Protein backbone atom coordinates (compact mmCIF):
# COMPACT_ATOMS: atom_id res chain seq x y z
CA MET A 1 0.15 -0.15 0.05
CA THR A 2 1.29 3.41 -0.80
CA ARG A 3 1.41 6.38 1.46
CA THR A 4 -1.85 7.71 -0.09
CA GLY A 5 -3.57 4.51 1.20
CA LEU A 6 -4.07 3.22 -2.44
CA THR A 7 -3.36 -0.10 -3.45
CA ALA A 8 -0.89 -0.85 -6.45
CA GLU A 9 -3.85 -1.52 -8.83
CA PRO A 10 -6.88 0.52 -7.68
CA ALA A 11 -10.20 -1.13 -8.12
CA ILE A 12 -11.48 0.83 -11.02
CA ARG A 13 -13.59 -1.43 -13.32
CA GLY A 14 -14.31 -1.45 -17.22
CA ALA A 15 -13.12 0.78 -19.83
CA TRP A 16 -13.09 3.91 -17.85
CA GLY A 17 -11.23 2.00 -15.13
CA ARG A 18 -8.61 0.80 -17.47
CA LEU A 19 -8.24 4.29 -18.85
CA VAL A 20 -7.81 5.87 -15.46
CA TRP A 21 -5.47 3.13 -14.34
CA LEU A 22 -3.24 3.69 -17.43
CA ILE A 23 -2.87 7.22 -16.64
CA LEU A 24 -2.21 6.72 -13.03
CA MET A 25 0.09 3.80 -13.32
CA PRO A 26 3.26 5.97 -14.01
CA LEU A 27 2.58 7.79 -10.74
CA PHE A 28 2.17 4.63 -8.48
CA THR A 29 5.31 3.04 -10.08
CA SER A 30 7.48 6.09 -9.83
CA ALA A 31 6.28 7.71 -6.39
CA ALA A 32 5.03 4.79 -4.46
CA PRO A 33 7.71 2.94 -1.96
CA GLY A 34 7.70 -0.85 -2.40
CA PHE A 35 7.25 -0.81 -6.42
CA ALA A 36 9.79 -1.14 -8.94
CA GLN A 37 10.61 2.20 -10.52
CA GLU A 38 10.38 2.27 -14.48
CA GLU A 39 10.43 4.97 -16.96
CA SER A 40 7.04 6.07 -18.59
CA PRO A 41 8.05 7.02 -22.04
CA ALA A 42 4.44 8.20 -22.75
CA GLY A 43 4.63 10.68 -19.99
CA LEU A 44 1.76 13.32 -19.83
CA ALA A 45 -0.47 11.45 -22.18
CA ALA A 46 -2.89 14.33 -22.42
CA LEU A 47 -0.29 15.94 -24.99
CA GLU A 48 -1.01 13.00 -27.40
CA LEU A 49 -4.78 13.07 -27.22
CA PRO A 50 -6.16 14.23 -30.79
CA ILE A 51 -7.40 17.81 -31.15
CA GLY A 52 -9.45 19.54 -33.83
CA ALA A 53 -12.19 18.02 -36.22
CA ARG A 54 -10.26 19.05 -39.47
CA PRO A 55 -7.08 17.21 -38.42
CA LEU A 56 -8.92 14.32 -37.18
CA GLY A 57 -11.12 13.99 -40.30
CA MET A 58 -7.72 13.55 -42.15
CA GLY A 59 -6.53 10.91 -39.85
CA ARG A 60 -4.15 13.19 -38.04
CA ALA A 61 -1.93 13.72 -41.21
CA TYR A 62 -1.54 17.53 -40.59
CA VAL A 63 2.12 18.48 -40.10
CA ALA A 64 1.95 19.98 -43.74
CA SER A 65 -1.17 21.74 -43.32
CA SER A 66 -1.12 25.73 -43.86
CA GLY A 67 -3.21 28.59 -42.23
CA ASP A 68 -5.36 26.37 -40.05
CA LEU A 69 -5.49 27.31 -36.42
CA GLN A 70 -6.25 23.61 -35.64
CA GLY A 71 -3.05 22.68 -37.08
CA LEU A 72 -1.15 24.37 -33.97
CA PHE A 73 -0.33 21.28 -32.15
CA TYR A 74 0.83 19.43 -35.20
CA ASN A 75 3.22 22.02 -36.55
CA PRO A 76 3.22 25.60 -35.44
CA ALA A 77 4.95 26.70 -38.56
CA GLY A 78 1.64 26.23 -40.62
CA LEU A 79 0.31 29.47 -39.09
CA ALA A 80 2.70 31.45 -40.73
CA ALA A 81 0.51 31.77 -43.87
CA ARG A 82 -2.17 33.53 -41.83
CA ASP A 83 -2.95 37.16 -42.67
CA SER A 84 -6.03 37.72 -41.00
CA ILE A 85 -7.60 37.58 -37.18
CA GLY A 86 -9.03 34.09 -36.65
CA LEU A 87 -10.97 32.27 -33.91
CA THR A 88 -11.47 28.62 -33.55
CA PHE A 89 -13.20 26.33 -31.03
CA SER A 90 -13.19 22.49 -31.11
CA ARG A 91 -15.10 19.97 -28.58
CA TYR A 92 -14.79 16.27 -28.48
CA GLN A 93 -16.94 13.62 -26.59
CA GLY A 94 -15.65 10.15 -25.82
CA ALA A 95 -17.58 7.10 -25.92
CA SER A 96 -21.23 7.32 -24.83
CA ASP A 97 -20.47 5.37 -21.56
CA LEU A 98 -17.70 7.39 -20.73
CA ASP A 99 -17.76 10.81 -19.25
CA VAL A 100 -14.62 12.04 -21.17
CA THR A 101 -14.70 15.48 -23.05
CA GLY A 102 -11.91 17.74 -24.43
CA ASN A 103 -12.12 21.46 -25.37
CA PHE A 104 -9.75 23.38 -27.44
CA GLY A 105 -9.76 27.15 -28.24
CA ALA A 106 -7.38 29.30 -30.21
CA ALA A 107 -6.99 32.83 -31.46
CA SER A 108 -4.52 34.28 -33.84
CA LEU A 109 -3.73 37.84 -35.38
CA PRO A 110 -0.98 39.03 -37.83
CA LEU A 111 1.55 40.66 -35.62
CA LEU A 112 5.27 41.32 -35.50
CA GLY A 113 5.81 40.37 -39.12
CA GLY A 114 4.19 36.93 -38.75
CA ALA A 115 1.27 35.40 -36.93
CA VAL A 116 1.06 35.39 -33.17
CA THR A 117 -1.43 32.61 -31.64
CA VAL A 118 -2.58 31.84 -28.04
CA ALA A 119 -4.66 28.71 -27.35
CA ALA A 120 -5.80 26.63 -24.61
CA SER A 121 -6.79 22.81 -24.45
CA PHE A 122 -8.72 21.29 -21.37
CA GLU A 123 -9.61 17.61 -21.00
CA ASP A 124 -11.89 16.41 -18.46
CA PHE A 125 -11.97 12.52 -17.74
CA GLY A 126 -14.91 12.97 -15.43
CA SER A 127 -15.05 11.11 -12.03
CA THR A 128 -14.47 7.69 -11.01
CA GLN A 129 -14.75 5.90 -7.50
CA LEU A 130 -11.46 4.59 -6.13
CA THR A 131 -11.24 1.69 -3.52
CA GLY A 132 -8.28 0.01 -1.87
CA SER A 133 -7.95 -3.67 -0.42
CA THR A 134 -11.53 -3.50 0.70
CA PRO A 135 -14.85 -2.63 -1.24
CA GLU A 136 -15.14 0.25 0.96
CA PRO A 137 -14.70 3.62 -1.27
CA LEU A 138 -11.56 5.59 -0.49
CA GLY A 139 -12.88 8.62 -2.38
CA THR A 140 -13.48 10.04 -5.86
CA LEU A 141 -10.89 10.79 -8.56
CA ASP A 142 -11.58 13.76 -10.83
CA LEU A 143 -8.92 13.74 -13.59
CA ARG A 144 -8.39 17.14 -15.69
CA ASN A 145 -5.60 18.33 -17.85
CA LEU A 146 -4.86 21.90 -18.97
CA VAL A 147 -2.46 23.11 -21.62
CA LEU A 148 -1.95 26.74 -22.40
CA VAL A 149 0.06 27.85 -25.63
CA ALA A 150 1.63 30.87 -26.86
CA SER A 151 3.01 30.54 -30.61
CA TYR A 152 4.71 32.72 -33.10
CA ALA A 153 5.04 31.61 -36.88
CA TYR A 154 6.92 33.51 -39.62
CA GLU A 155 7.51 33.31 -43.37
CA LEU A 156 11.38 33.29 -44.11
CA SER A 157 10.56 33.42 -47.82
CA PRO A 158 7.48 32.65 -50.15
CA SER A 159 8.52 29.02 -49.93
CA VAL A 160 9.73 28.48 -46.30
CA SER A 161 7.97 28.95 -43.08
CA VAL A 162 9.10 28.35 -39.40
CA GLY A 163 7.14 28.65 -36.03
CA ALA A 164 7.55 27.69 -32.46
CA SER A 165 5.24 27.36 -29.40
CA ALA A 166 5.71 27.48 -25.60
CA LYS A 167 3.30 25.33 -23.52
CA TYR A 168 2.30 25.37 -19.84
CA LEU A 169 0.99 22.05 -18.57
CA ASN A 170 -1.04 21.10 -15.68
CA SER A 171 -2.34 17.54 -14.87
CA ASP A 172 -4.51 16.89 -11.99
CA LEU A 173 -4.91 13.34 -11.40
CA GLY A 174 -7.13 13.83 -8.23
CA VAL A 175 -4.48 12.04 -5.72
CA ALA A 176 -1.61 14.14 -7.25
CA GLU A 177 -0.92 17.05 -9.45
CA GLY A 178 1.94 18.07 -11.66
CA SER A 179 2.83 21.05 -13.95
CA GLY A 180 5.56 21.95 -16.26
CA VAL A 181 6.50 23.51 -19.68
CA SER A 182 7.16 22.29 -23.16
CA PHE A 183 8.04 23.55 -26.36
CA ASP A 184 7.30 22.76 -30.14
CA ALA A 185 9.22 23.93 -33.25
CA GLY A 186 8.50 23.30 -37.04
CA ALA A 187 9.05 24.28 -40.53
CA LEU A 188 7.20 24.15 -43.95
CA LEU A 189 8.68 24.01 -47.28
CA ARG A 190 6.57 24.68 -50.40
CA PRO A 191 8.59 25.50 -53.36
CA ALA A 192 7.03 28.22 -55.56
CA GLY A 193 4.53 26.72 -58.00
CA SER A 194 4.73 23.31 -56.46
CA PRO A 195 1.48 21.46 -55.32
CA LEU A 196 3.65 19.65 -52.83
CA THR A 197 4.15 20.98 -49.16
CA ILE A 198 6.57 19.28 -46.96
CA GLY A 199 6.44 19.78 -43.21
CA ALA A 200 8.48 18.67 -40.10
CA ALA A 201 8.18 19.47 -36.33
CA VAL A 202 9.38 18.64 -33.01
CA LEU A 203 6.71 18.51 -30.47
CA ASN A 204 6.61 18.30 -26.75
CA VAL A 205 10.23 18.71 -25.71
CA GLY A 206 10.93 19.69 -22.19
CA PRO A 207 11.75 18.77 -18.72
CA LYS A 208 10.11 16.11 -16.80
CA VAL A 209 6.87 16.85 -14.99
CA THR A 210 7.03 15.91 -11.38
CA PHE A 211 3.63 14.73 -9.57
CA LYS A 212 3.22 15.75 -5.93
CA LEU A 213 0.84 13.35 -4.04
CA ASN A 214 -1.78 15.57 -2.44
CA ASP A 215 -1.68 13.71 0.93
CA ALA A 216 1.81 12.23 1.21
CA ASP A 217 4.18 12.89 4.30
CA GLU A 218 6.17 15.94 4.17
CA GLY A 219 9.40 15.15 2.37
CA ASP A 220 7.93 12.42 0.34
CA THR A 221 5.60 14.23 -1.99
CA GLU A 222 7.58 13.82 -5.27
CA GLY A 223 8.20 10.91 -7.78
CA ALA A 224 11.13 10.66 -10.09
CA GLY A 225 9.36 12.74 -12.73
CA ASP A 226 7.24 11.86 -15.78
CA ASP A 227 8.69 12.10 -19.39
CA LEU A 228 6.68 14.20 -21.83
CA PRO A 229 5.70 12.43 -24.96
CA SER A 230 8.36 14.22 -27.03
CA ARG A 231 7.74 13.39 -30.71
CA PHE A 232 9.55 14.11 -34.15
CA ARG A 233 6.61 14.34 -37.02
CA TRP A 234 7.30 14.78 -40.68
CA GLY A 235 5.12 14.52 -43.77
CA ALA A 236 3.73 15.98 -46.72
CA ALA A 237 0.60 17.04 -48.53
CA LEU A 238 -0.40 17.41 -52.12
CA ASP A 239 -2.84 19.56 -53.74
CA VAL A 240 -4.16 17.08 -56.68
CA GLY A 241 -6.17 19.74 -58.52
CA GLN A 242 -2.89 22.02 -58.87
CA LEU A 243 -0.91 18.89 -59.79
CA THR A 244 -3.46 18.21 -62.69
CA ARG A 245 -4.03 21.65 -63.36
CA SER A 246 -7.66 21.04 -63.25
CA GLN A 247 -10.00 24.09 -62.70
CA GLY A 248 -13.19 22.17 -61.88
CA GLU A 249 -15.49 22.77 -58.93
CA TYR A 250 -13.81 19.92 -57.06
CA GLY A 251 -10.44 19.94 -55.05
CA LEU A 252 -8.69 17.12 -53.59
CA ARG A 253 -5.92 17.01 -51.14
CA ILE A 254 -4.06 14.07 -49.78
CA ALA A 255 -1.58 14.03 -47.02
CA ALA A 256 0.66 11.58 -44.93
CA ASP A 257 2.56 11.94 -41.72
CA VAL A 258 5.13 9.84 -39.85
CA GLU A 259 5.81 10.31 -36.20
CA HIS A 260 8.79 8.92 -34.18
CA ASN A 261 8.96 8.88 -30.28
CA LEU A 262 12.21 10.91 -29.73
CA ARG A 263 13.18 8.53 -26.91
CA GLU A 264 12.63 5.55 -29.15
CA LEU A 265 13.02 6.43 -32.83
CA GLY A 266 12.09 3.07 -33.80
CA GLU A 267 8.63 3.69 -32.34
CA ILE A 268 6.68 4.98 -35.26
CA SER A 269 3.02 6.02 -35.88
CA ALA A 270 1.73 6.62 -39.33
CA PHE A 271 -1.12 8.81 -40.50
CA GLY A 272 -2.85 9.36 -43.87
CA GLY A 273 -5.83 11.32 -45.18
CA ALA A 274 -7.53 13.14 -47.83
CA ALA A 275 -10.15 15.81 -48.10
CA VAL A 276 -12.45 16.36 -51.14
CA GLU A 277 -13.88 19.89 -51.67
CA TYR A 278 -16.84 21.29 -53.53
CA ARG A 279 -16.40 25.04 -54.50
CA ASP A 280 -14.63 25.72 -51.29
CA MET A 281 -17.98 25.20 -49.44
CA ILE A 282 -18.45 21.48 -48.76
CA VAL A 283 -15.51 19.27 -47.67
CA LEU A 284 -15.64 15.61 -47.05
CA ARG A 285 -12.50 13.86 -45.08
CA GLY A 286 -11.34 10.45 -44.53
CA GLY A 287 -8.20 9.07 -43.10
CA VAL A 288 -6.29 5.91 -41.64
CA LEU A 289 -3.70 5.70 -38.89
CA ASN A 290 -1.48 3.32 -36.99
CA LEU A 291 -0.05 4.52 -33.95
CA ASN A 292 1.77 3.46 -30.75
CA ASN A 293 -0.64 3.71 -27.80
CA PRO A 294 0.24 6.95 -25.98
CA PHE A 295 -0.54 5.00 -22.68
CA GLY A 296 2.26 2.54 -23.41
CA GLY A 297 0.27 -0.30 -24.82
CA GLU A 298 0.19 -1.99 -28.06
CA SER A 299 -0.02 -0.49 -31.53
CA ALA A 300 -3.60 0.25 -32.73
CA THR A 301 -5.03 0.78 -36.24
CA GLY A 302 -8.13 2.78 -36.94
CA ALA A 303 -9.93 5.19 -39.28
CA SER A 304 -11.58 8.61 -39.28
CA LEU A 305 -14.29 10.11 -41.21
CA GLY A 306 -15.19 13.97 -41.34
CA ALA A 307 -17.33 16.66 -43.04
CA GLY A 308 -17.44 20.53 -43.09
CA VAL A 309 -19.19 23.59 -44.33
CA HIS A 310 -17.49 26.68 -45.16
CA TRP A 311 -19.81 29.67 -45.65
CA GLN A 312 -18.30 33.06 -46.16
CA LYS A 313 -16.06 33.72 -43.05
CA LEU A 314 -17.60 30.67 -40.95
CA ARG A 315 -16.56 27.00 -40.89
CA VAL A 316 -18.26 24.13 -39.03
CA ASP A 317 -16.77 20.67 -39.12
CA VAL A 318 -17.46 17.33 -37.51
CA ALA A 319 -15.10 14.20 -37.38
CA ARG A 320 -15.21 10.76 -35.77
CA GLU A 321 -12.26 8.83 -34.96
CA LEU A 322 -12.64 4.85 -34.81
CA GLY A 323 -10.56 2.09 -33.10
CA VAL A 324 -7.61 3.92 -31.59
CA ASN A 325 -8.57 5.54 -28.29
CA GLU A 326 -8.55 4.23 -24.77
CA ALA A 327 -11.62 6.43 -24.12
CA GLY A 328 -13.52 5.06 -27.01
CA ASP A 329 -14.45 6.18 -30.29
CA GLU A 330 -14.35 10.19 -30.28
CA THR A 331 -16.67 12.61 -32.00
CA HIS A 332 -15.06 16.03 -32.61
CA PHE A 333 -17.02 19.26 -33.35
CA SER A 334 -15.28 22.64 -34.50
CA PHE A 335 -16.22 25.89 -35.40
CA GLY A 336 -14.25 28.86 -36.71
CA VAL A 337 -14.44 32.36 -37.94
CA GLU A 338 -12.13 34.78 -39.70
CA PHE A 339 -12.26 38.54 -39.44
């Protein structure tokens, strides 16, 4: 039993219980006496949760996207192409039997010769009852994660863009809380007149996040620290309409990303997607993905579907991701406006 009075594997049942235990496991293994200490390469798993209906609909293949606020967490350099004030909001809902939600909001404006963006992401994993060695409840866990972002992107030339983000992280696990900082940096390359855009980004780089047990004895409140899920992502996007020089009412864009765990470069996730647009008003998206589970489990393969409507300065999108999330299949809704 740990100093918090919890057993090594709390009695939290079902799919929701499995998700909670996977989130809490690094805390118990690093902070609890009597348990073997082990590195948690996934670290703060909230940073790996998908964000944005438009990226989700494309199978998360978004490192080479340009101008979309929802691409901030995939490659900050993509925002360099922005020349107007923009706002976006996205919300996702986990499986129907789980009280898991996420909210993301961002605002961007042209400033300092480039684009300055601020954003916030908040995930709420709901509440679950926790028991120890007896059926009697020990309490309720309320799990929440918050990420605050400040980002700047700049066009070095008509063909090359760069960007960087600083992020403040706070993870409240109910029995413990941790906070820290991380950084993203990326670049985009699009040769003049080319239908191909190439992107690369280093994501979630920073010091370990140390969790403090809320009711531990003084002097024994911290674990060894939890590694951030640092990643290197690269990929490309192709404007097929520009490639074929077609000027019809339809447009087609395809994209593919590869993501490496920076601590284990052989751990690779792959993403692919496509979007078909009609008159720049209606878009249908689809994608496939194979990823190493951010909670340290086996690889998972899944798919995504999405759709959107663009009317004047407004954008509304929806996407659903299937088969790859511990919290169950997720539906994402997004709303955006340009000024």
